[in-house]
Amino acid sequence: MKNKGVIFFDIDGVILLKNKNYDVLIKEKLDICQSDFKKYFFDKEDWHIYAMVGKKPVKPILIKAIEDMKRKDLTTNSLINFWLENRYFIDSRVLKVIDDLKGKGFKIYLATDQSHIKMNYLCNKYNFEKIFEGIFYSAGIGYRKKSKHFWNYIKHNTDIDFDESLFIDDVNDNIKVANSCGIKGYLYKDFTTADIELFKNL
């Protein structure tokens, strides 16, 4: 990048990493098989089509999932809290990179697919609103990153110059859409040597 422009970071898979022990934990603590939770919650259209773009709240979807799993002993709050607190963990290495890039003069934004409930949780826990110049997320915008409408919303509602912007994501299809909107993209691979070199050379 010729000038110190804008860098958009994804959250899941870049700033947040999956807890590899999550499947064991949810079975031990809540007696739920992750495959069942996926089947009755994450795979449902209400979640990945509607909740992720802010068209439906998460709690009613979870209530239905609990009913489908025949688990009257579970509450929506206990399930939500366990998911939010245990599914992911922050990668402090990436936060350090973000701090360094801010020190170089870059403006750092979040561009991510998140429900309202998870985005609010992350902002409260990690003070994202203090770390990032701005936060763009699917439930807040009404479209996911795989849609050009996501990026068009940013373009039409900010003064960000896409020609001087970089998008870092771990999903190639998301990068292709950003590219089609005039934003350079980089496919992140979990802090590999190539990732570290990119950050150093910005």
C-alpha atoms as a PDB file:
ATOM      1  CA  MET A   1       0.000   0.000   0.000  1.00  0.00           C
ATOM      2  CA  LYS A   2       1.502   3.318  -1.115  1.00  0.00           C
ATOM      3  CA  ASN A   3      -0.099   5.347   1.652  1.00  0.00           C
ATOM      4  CA  LYS A   4      -1.044   4.521   5.218  1.00  0.00           C
ATOM      5  CA  GLY A   5      -4.619   3.607   4.402  1.00  0.00           C
ATOM      6  CA  VAL A   6      -7.245   1.334   5.891  1.00  0.00           C
ATOM      7  CA  ILE A   7      -7.008  -2.316   6.897  1.00  0.00           C
ATOM      8  CA  PHE A   8     -10.144  -4.372   7.499  1.00  0.00           C
ATOM      9  CA  PHE A   9      -9.732  -7.413   9.749  1.00  0.00           C
ATOM     10  CA  ASP A  10     -12.112 -10.353   9.963  1.00  0.00           C
ATOM     11  CA  ILE A  11     -12.795 -11.726  13.458  1.00  0.00           C
ATOM     12  CA  ASP A  12     -13.463 -15.489  13.389  1.00  0.00           C
ATOM     13  CA  GLY A  13     -10.396 -17.317  12.130  1.00  0.00           C
ATOM     14  CA  VAL A  14      -8.185 -14.220  12.278  1.00  0.00           C
ATOM     15  CA  ILE A  15      -8.546 -12.340  15.558  1.00  0.00           C
ATOM     16  CA  LEU A  16     -10.459 -15.144  17.239  1.00  0.00           C
ATOM     17  CA  LEU A  17      -9.376 -18.770  17.011  1.00  0.00           C
ATOM     18  CA  LYS A  18     -11.530 -21.821  17.615  1.00  0.00           C
ATOM     19  CA  ASN A  19     -11.079 -23.647  20.901  1.00  0.00           C
ATOM     20  CA  LYS A  20     -10.015 -27.150  19.829  1.00  0.00           C
ATOM     21  CA  ASN A  21     -11.369 -28.580  23.099  1.00  0.00           C
ATOM     22  CA  TYR A  22     -14.812 -27.055  22.675  1.00  0.00           C
ATOM     23  CA  ASP A  23     -16.542 -30.255  21.569  1.00  0.00           C
ATOM     24  CA  VAL A  24     -15.230 -32.033  24.677  1.00  0.00           C
ATOM     25  CA  LEU A  25     -16.146 -29.128  26.963  1.00  0.00           C
ATOM     26  CA  ILE A  26     -19.732 -28.797  25.782  1.00  0.00           C
ATOM     27  CA  LYS A  27     -20.202 -32.530  26.249  1.00  0.00           C
ATOM     28  CA  GLU A  28     -18.655 -32.510  29.724  1.00  0.00           C
ATOM     29  CA  LYS A  29     -20.351 -29.374  31.012  1.00  0.00           C
ATOM     30  CA  LEU A  30     -23.744 -29.422  29.288  1.00  0.00           C
ATOM     31  CA  ASP A  31     -23.981 -33.015  28.024  1.00  0.00           C
ATOM     32  CA  ILE A  32     -24.479 -31.800  24.461  1.00  0.00           C
ATOM     33  CA  CYS A  33     -22.876 -33.305  21.385  1.00  0.00           C
ATOM     34  CA  GLN A  34     -21.558 -30.485  19.218  1.00  0.00           C
ATOM     35  CA  SER A  35     -22.892 -32.308  16.154  1.00  0.00           C
ATOM     36  CA  ASP A  36     -26.418 -32.043  17.623  1.00  0.00           C
ATOM     37  CA  PHE A  37     -25.956 -28.367  18.477  1.00  0.00           C
ATOM     38  CA  LYS A  38     -24.777 -27.748  14.919  1.00  0.00           C
ATOM     39  CA  LYS A  39     -27.702 -29.692  13.472  1.00  0.00           C
ATOM     40  CA  TYR A  40     -30.395 -27.949  15.517  1.00  0.00           C
ATOM     41  CA  PHE A  41     -28.875 -24.458  15.670  1.00  0.00           C
ATOM     42  CA  PHE A  42     -26.005 -23.459  13.389  1.00  0.00           C
ATOM     43  CA  ASP A  43     -27.286 -25.382  10.353  1.00  0.00           C
ATOM     44  CA  LYS A  44     -30.759 -23.876  10.582  1.00  0.00           C
ATOM     45  CA  GLU A  45     -31.744 -21.157   8.121  1.00  0.00           C
ATOM     46  CA  ASP A  46     -32.998 -19.035  11.008  1.00  0.00           C
ATOM     47  CA  TRP A  47     -29.387 -18.787  12.198  1.00  0.00           C
ATOM     48  CA  HIS A  48     -27.119 -18.595   9.167  1.00  0.00           C
ATOM     49  CA  ILE A  49     -29.550 -16.720   6.915  1.00  0.00           C
ATOM     50  CA  TYR A  50     -31.609 -14.530   9.255  1.00  0.00           C
ATOM     51  CA  ALA A  51     -29.869 -14.054  12.628  1.00  0.00           C
ATOM     52  CA  MET A  52     -26.513 -13.403  10.992  1.00  0.00           C
ATOM     53  CA  VAL A  53     -27.942 -10.445   9.110  1.00  0.00           C
ATOM     54  CA  GLY A  54     -29.985  -9.125  12.022  1.00  0.00           C
ATOM     55  CA  LYS A  55     -33.399 -10.208  10.745  1.00  0.00           C
ATOM     56  CA  LYS A  56     -34.144 -12.564  13.648  1.00  0.00           C
ATOM     57  CA  PRO A  57     -32.999 -12.542  17.300  1.00  0.00           C
ATOM     58  CA  VAL A  58     -30.865 -15.435  18.508  1.00  0.00           C
ATOM     59  CA  LYS A  59     -32.749 -16.436  21.670  1.00  0.00           C
ATOM     60  CA  PRO A  60     -35.942 -17.748  19.978  1.00  0.00           C
ATOM     61  CA  ILE A  61     -33.774 -19.824  17.650  1.00  0.00           C
ATOM     62  CA  LEU A  62     -31.969 -21.291  20.657  1.00  0.00           C
ATOM     63  CA  ILE A  63     -35.276 -22.013  22.406  1.00  0.00           C
ATOM     64  CA  LYS A  64     -36.337 -24.052  19.380  1.00  0.00           C
ATOM     65  CA  ALA A  65     -32.950 -25.841  19.323  1.00  0.00           C
ATOM     66  CA  ILE A  66     -33.313 -26.763  23.000  1.00  0.00           C
ATOM     67  CA  GLU A  67     -36.796 -28.113  22.307  1.00  0.00           C
ATOM     68  CA  ASP A  68     -35.543 -30.129  19.334  1.00  0.00           C
ATOM     69  CA  MET A  69     -32.734 -31.583  21.467  1.00  0.00           C
ATOM     70  CA  LYS A  70     -35.345 -32.450  24.114  1.00  0.00           C
ATOM     71  CA  ARG A  71     -33.328 -30.704  26.809  1.00  0.00           C
ATOM     72  CA  LYS A  72     -35.811 -29.042  29.166  1.00  0.00           C
ATOM     73  CA  ASP A  73     -33.058 -28.770  31.778  1.00  0.00           C
ATOM     74  CA  LEU A  74     -31.168 -26.214  29.660  1.00  0.00           C
ATOM     75  CA  THR A  75     -31.841 -22.484  29.603  1.00  0.00           C
ATOM     76  CA  THR A  76     -31.129 -20.193  26.675  1.00  0.00           C
ATOM     77  CA  ASN A  77     -28.861 -18.042  28.840  1.00  0.00           C
ATOM     78  CA  SER A  78     -26.749 -20.981  30.008  1.00  0.00           C
ATOM     79  CA  LEU A  79     -26.320 -22.189  26.429  1.00  0.00           C
ATOM     80  CA  ILE A  80     -25.561 -18.730  25.017  1.00  0.00           C
ATOM     81  CA  ASN A  81     -23.084 -17.957  27.781  1.00  0.00           C
ATOM     82  CA  PHE A  82     -21.278 -21.273  27.378  1.00  0.00           C
ATOM     83  CA  TRP A  83     -21.022 -20.815  23.608  1.00  0.00           C
ATOM     84  CA  LEU A  84     -19.773 -17.241  23.822  1.00  0.00           C
ATOM     85  CA  GLU A  85     -17.289 -17.882  26.622  1.00  0.00           C
ATOM     86  CA  ASN A  86     -15.824 -21.168  25.377  1.00  0.00           C
ATOM     87  CA  ARG A  87     -16.101 -21.459  21.592  1.00  0.00           C
ATOM     88  CA  TYR A  88     -13.295 -19.029  20.713  1.00  0.00           C
ATOM     89  CA  PHE A  89     -10.271 -17.376  22.240  1.00  0.00           C
ATOM     90  CA  ILE A  90      -8.476 -14.185  21.289  1.00  0.00           C
ATOM     91  CA  ASP A  91      -5.168 -14.374  19.431  1.00  0.00           C
ATOM     92  CA  SER A  92      -2.976 -11.888  21.310  1.00  0.00           C
ATOM     93  CA  ARG A  93      -0.383 -12.059  18.502  1.00  0.00           C
ATOM     94  CA  VAL A  94      -2.836 -10.509  16.064  1.00  0.00           C
ATOM     95  CA  LEU A  95      -3.878  -7.834  18.556  1.00  0.00           C
ATOM     96  CA  LYS A  96      -0.200  -6.921  18.904  1.00  0.00           C
ATOM     97  CA  VAL A  97       0.082  -6.645  15.094  1.00  0.00           C
ATOM     98  CA  ILE A  98      -3.009  -4.415  15.028  1.00  0.00           C
ATOM     99  CA  ASP A  99      -1.490  -2.163  17.689  1.00  0.00           C
ATOM    100  CA  ASP A 100       1.758  -1.955  15.692  1.00  0.00           C
ATOM    101  CA  LEU A 101      -0.122  -1.111  12.486  1.00  0.00           C
ATOM    102  CA  LYS A 102      -2.036   1.647  14.262  1.00  0.00           C
ATOM    103  CA  GLY A 103       1.322   2.987  15.422  1.00  0.00           C
ATOM    104  CA  LYS A 104       2.434   3.136  11.779  1.00  0.00           C
ATOM    105  CA  GLY A 105      -0.565   5.275  10.905  1.00  0.00           C
ATOM    106  CA  PHE A 106      -3.026   2.733   9.519  1.00  0.00           C
ATOM    107  CA  LYS A 107      -6.714   2.977  10.373  1.00  0.00           C
ATOM    108  CA  ILE A 108      -7.935  -0.449  11.444  1.00  0.00           C
ATOM    109  CA  TYR A 109     -11.538  -1.582  11.072  1.00  0.00           C
ATOM    110  CA  LEU A 110     -13.437  -4.799  11.673  1.00  0.00           C
ATOM    111  CA  ALA A 111     -15.342  -6.375   8.757  1.00  0.00           C
ATOM    112  CA  THR A 112     -17.025  -9.519   9.992  1.00  0.00           C
ATOM    113  CA  ASP A 113     -20.044 -11.806   9.880  1.00  0.00           C
ATOM    114  CA  GLN A 114     -21.560 -11.705  13.371  1.00  0.00           C
ATOM    115  CA  SER A 115     -24.943 -11.789  15.060  1.00  0.00           C
ATOM    116  CA  HIS A 116     -25.893  -8.883  17.307  1.00  0.00           C
ATOM    117  CA  ILE A 117     -25.545 -10.948  20.463  1.00  0.00           C
ATOM    118  CA  LYS A 118     -22.020 -12.173  19.711  1.00  0.00           C
ATOM    119  CA  MET A 119     -20.805  -8.788  18.474  1.00  0.00           C
ATOM    120  CA  ASN A 120     -22.064  -7.092  21.630  1.00  0.00           C
ATOM    121  CA  TYR A 121     -20.365  -9.735  23.752  1.00  0.00           C
ATOM    122  CA  LEU A 122     -17.033  -9.322  21.964  1.00  0.00           C
ATOM    123  CA  CYS A 123     -17.146  -5.527  22.164  1.00  0.00           C
ATOM    124  CA  ASN A 124     -17.823  -5.642  25.888  1.00  0.00           C
ATOM    125  CA  LYS A 125     -15.244  -8.314  26.683  1.00  0.00           C
ATOM    126  CA  TYR A 126     -12.366  -7.082  24.535  1.00  0.00           C
ATOM    127  CA  ASN A 127     -13.128  -3.342  24.259  1.00  0.00           C
ATOM    128  CA  PHE A 128     -13.189  -3.605  20.461  1.00  0.00           C
ATOM    129  CA  GLU A 129     -14.772  -0.178  20.141  1.00  0.00           C
ATOM    130  CA  LYS A 130     -11.615   1.328  21.680  1.00  0.00           C
ATOM    131  CA  ILE A 131      -9.237  -0.793  19.600  1.00  0.00           C
ATOM    132  CA  PHE A 132     -10.799  -0.280  16.161  1.00  0.00           C
ATOM    133  CA  GLU A 133     -11.608   2.829  14.172  1.00  0.00           C
ATOM    134  CA  GLY A 134     -14.972   1.321  13.301  1.00  0.00           C
ATOM    135  CA  ILE A 135     -16.881  -1.965  13.305  1.00  0.00           C
ATOM    136  CA  PHE A 136     -18.804  -3.286  10.299  1.00  0.00           C
ATOM    137  CA  TYR A 137     -20.680  -6.528  10.910  1.00  0.00           C
ATOM    138  CA  SER A 138     -23.322  -8.464   9.035  1.00  0.00           C
ATOM    139  CA  ALA A 139     -26.208  -8.151  11.518  1.00  0.00           C
ATOM    140  CA  GLY A 140     -25.593  -4.415  11.757  1.00  0.00           C
ATOM    141  CA  ILE A 141     -25.455  -3.905   7.996  1.00  0.00           C
ATOM    142  CA  GLY A 142     -28.049  -6.466   6.918  1.00  0.00           C
ATOM    143  CA  TYR A 143     -25.754  -8.398   4.568  1.00  0.00           C
ATOM    144  CA  ARG A 144     -22.906 -10.863   4.952  1.00  0.00           C
ATOM    145  CA  LYS A 145     -19.418 -10.301   3.534  1.00  0.00           C
ATOM    146  CA  LYS A 146     -20.123 -12.637   0.635  1.00  0.00           C
ATOM    147  CA  SER A 147     -22.516  -9.980  -0.678  1.00  0.00           C
ATOM    148  CA  LYS A 148     -21.381  -6.865  -2.526  1.00  0.00           C
ATOM    149  CA  HIS A 149     -24.065  -5.030  -0.565  1.00  0.00           C
ATOM    150  CA  PHE A 150     -21.891  -5.377   2.552  1.00  0.00           C
ATOM    151  CA  TRP A 151     -19.051  -3.438   0.964  1.00  0.00           C
ATOM    152  CA  ASN A 152     -21.343  -1.036  -0.858  1.00  0.00           C
ATOM    153  CA  TYR A 153     -22.827  -0.071   2.498  1.00  0.00           C
ATOM    154  CA  ILE A 154     -19.357   0.827   3.784  1.00  0.00           C
ATOM    155  CA  LYS A 155     -18.503   2.715   0.610  1.00  0.00           C
ATOM    156  CA  HIS A 156     -21.679   4.793   0.659  1.00  0.00           C
ATOM    157  CA  ASN A 157     -21.677   5.505   4.399  1.00  0.00           C
ATOM    158  CA  THR A 158     -18.008   6.353   5.009  1.00  0.00           C
ATOM    159  CA  ASP A 159     -15.200   8.282   3.364  1.00  0.00           C
ATOM    160  CA  ILE A 160     -12.949   5.193   3.253  1.00  0.00           C
ATOM    161  CA  ASP A 161     -10.920   4.986   0.033  1.00  0.00           C
ATOM    162  CA  PHE A 162     -11.171   1.393  -1.189  1.00  0.00           C
ATOM    163  CA  ASP A 163      -8.159   1.963  -3.450  1.00  0.00           C
ATOM    164  CA  GLU A 164      -6.035   2.392  -0.319  1.00  0.00           C
ATOM    165  CA  SER A 165      -7.620  -0.450   1.656  1.00  0.00           C
ATOM    166  CA  LEU A 166      -6.696  -4.032   2.492  1.00  0.00           C
ATOM    167  CA  PHE A 167      -9.031  -6.778   3.706  1.00  0.00           C
ATOM    168  CA  ILE A 168      -7.634  -9.689   5.753  1.00  0.00           C
ATOM    169  CA  ASP A 169      -9.884 -12.754   5.953  1.00  0.00           C
ATOM    170  CA  ASP A 170      -9.530 -16.525   6.213  1.00  0.00           C
ATOM    171  CA  VAL A 171     -12.230 -17.303   3.606  1.00  0.00           C
ATOM    172  CA  ASN A 172     -11.236 -16.908  -0.038  1.00  0.00           C
ATOM    173  CA  ASP A 173     -14.804 -16.356  -1.297  1.00  0.00           C
ATOM    174  CA  ASN A 174     -15.122 -13.322   0.986  1.00  0.00           C
ATOM    175  CA  ILE A 175     -11.884 -11.920  -0.395  1.00  0.00           C
ATOM    176  CA  LYS A 176     -13.084 -12.395  -3.979  1.00  0.00           C
ATOM    177  CA  VAL A 177     -16.184 -10.305  -3.268  1.00  0.00           C
ATOM    178  CA  ALA A 178     -14.078  -7.577  -1.655  1.00  0.00           C
ATOM    179  CA  ASN A 179     -11.767  -7.651  -4.679  1.00  0.00           C
ATOM    180  CA  SER A 180     -14.734  -7.171  -6.986  1.00  0.00           C
ATOM    181  CA  CYS A 181     -15.602  -4.038  -5.006  1.00  0.00           C
ATOM    182  CA  GLY A 182     -12.103  -2.606  -5.427  1.00  0.00           C
ATOM    183  CA  ILE A 183     -10.484  -3.738  -2.180  1.00  0.00           C
ATOM    184  CA  LYS A 184      -7.240  -5.693  -2.109  1.00  0.00           C
ATOM    185  CA  GLY A 185      -7.498  -8.894  -0.117  1.00  0.00           C
ATOM    186  CA  TYR A 186      -5.170 -11.218   1.730  1.00  0.00           C
ATOM    187  CA  LEU A 187      -6.024 -14.839   2.632  1.00  0.00           C
ATOM    188  CA  TYR A 188      -4.963 -15.331   6.240  1.00  0.00           C
ATOM    189  CA  LYS A 189      -3.571 -18.712   7.310  1.00  0.00           C
ATOM    190  CA  ASP A 190      -3.306 -18.582  11.130  1.00  0.00           C
ATOM    191  CA  PHE A 191      -0.140 -16.529  11.740  1.00  0.00           C
ATOM    192  CA  THR A 192       2.060 -18.427   9.309  1.00  0.00           C
ATOM    193  CA  THR A 193       5.429 -17.130   8.119  1.00  0.00           C
ATOM    194  CA  ALA A 194       3.712 -15.557   5.110  1.00  0.00           C
ATOM    195  CA  ASP A 195       1.225 -13.803   7.398  1.00  0.00           C
ATOM    196  CA  ILE A 196       4.022 -12.419   9.573  1.00  0.00           C
ATOM    197  CA  GLU A 197       5.927 -11.184   6.506  1.00  0.00           C
ATOM    198  CA  LEU A 198       2.827  -9.403   5.216  1.00  0.00           C
ATOM    199  CA  PHE A 199       2.353  -7.591   8.514  1.00  0.00           C
ATOM    200  CA  LYS A 200       6.036  -6.605   8.684  1.00  0.00           C
ATOM    201  CA  ASN A 201       6.015  -5.200   5.160  1.00  0.00           C
ATOM    202  CA  LEU A 202       2.917  -3.059   5.483  1.00  0.00           C
END
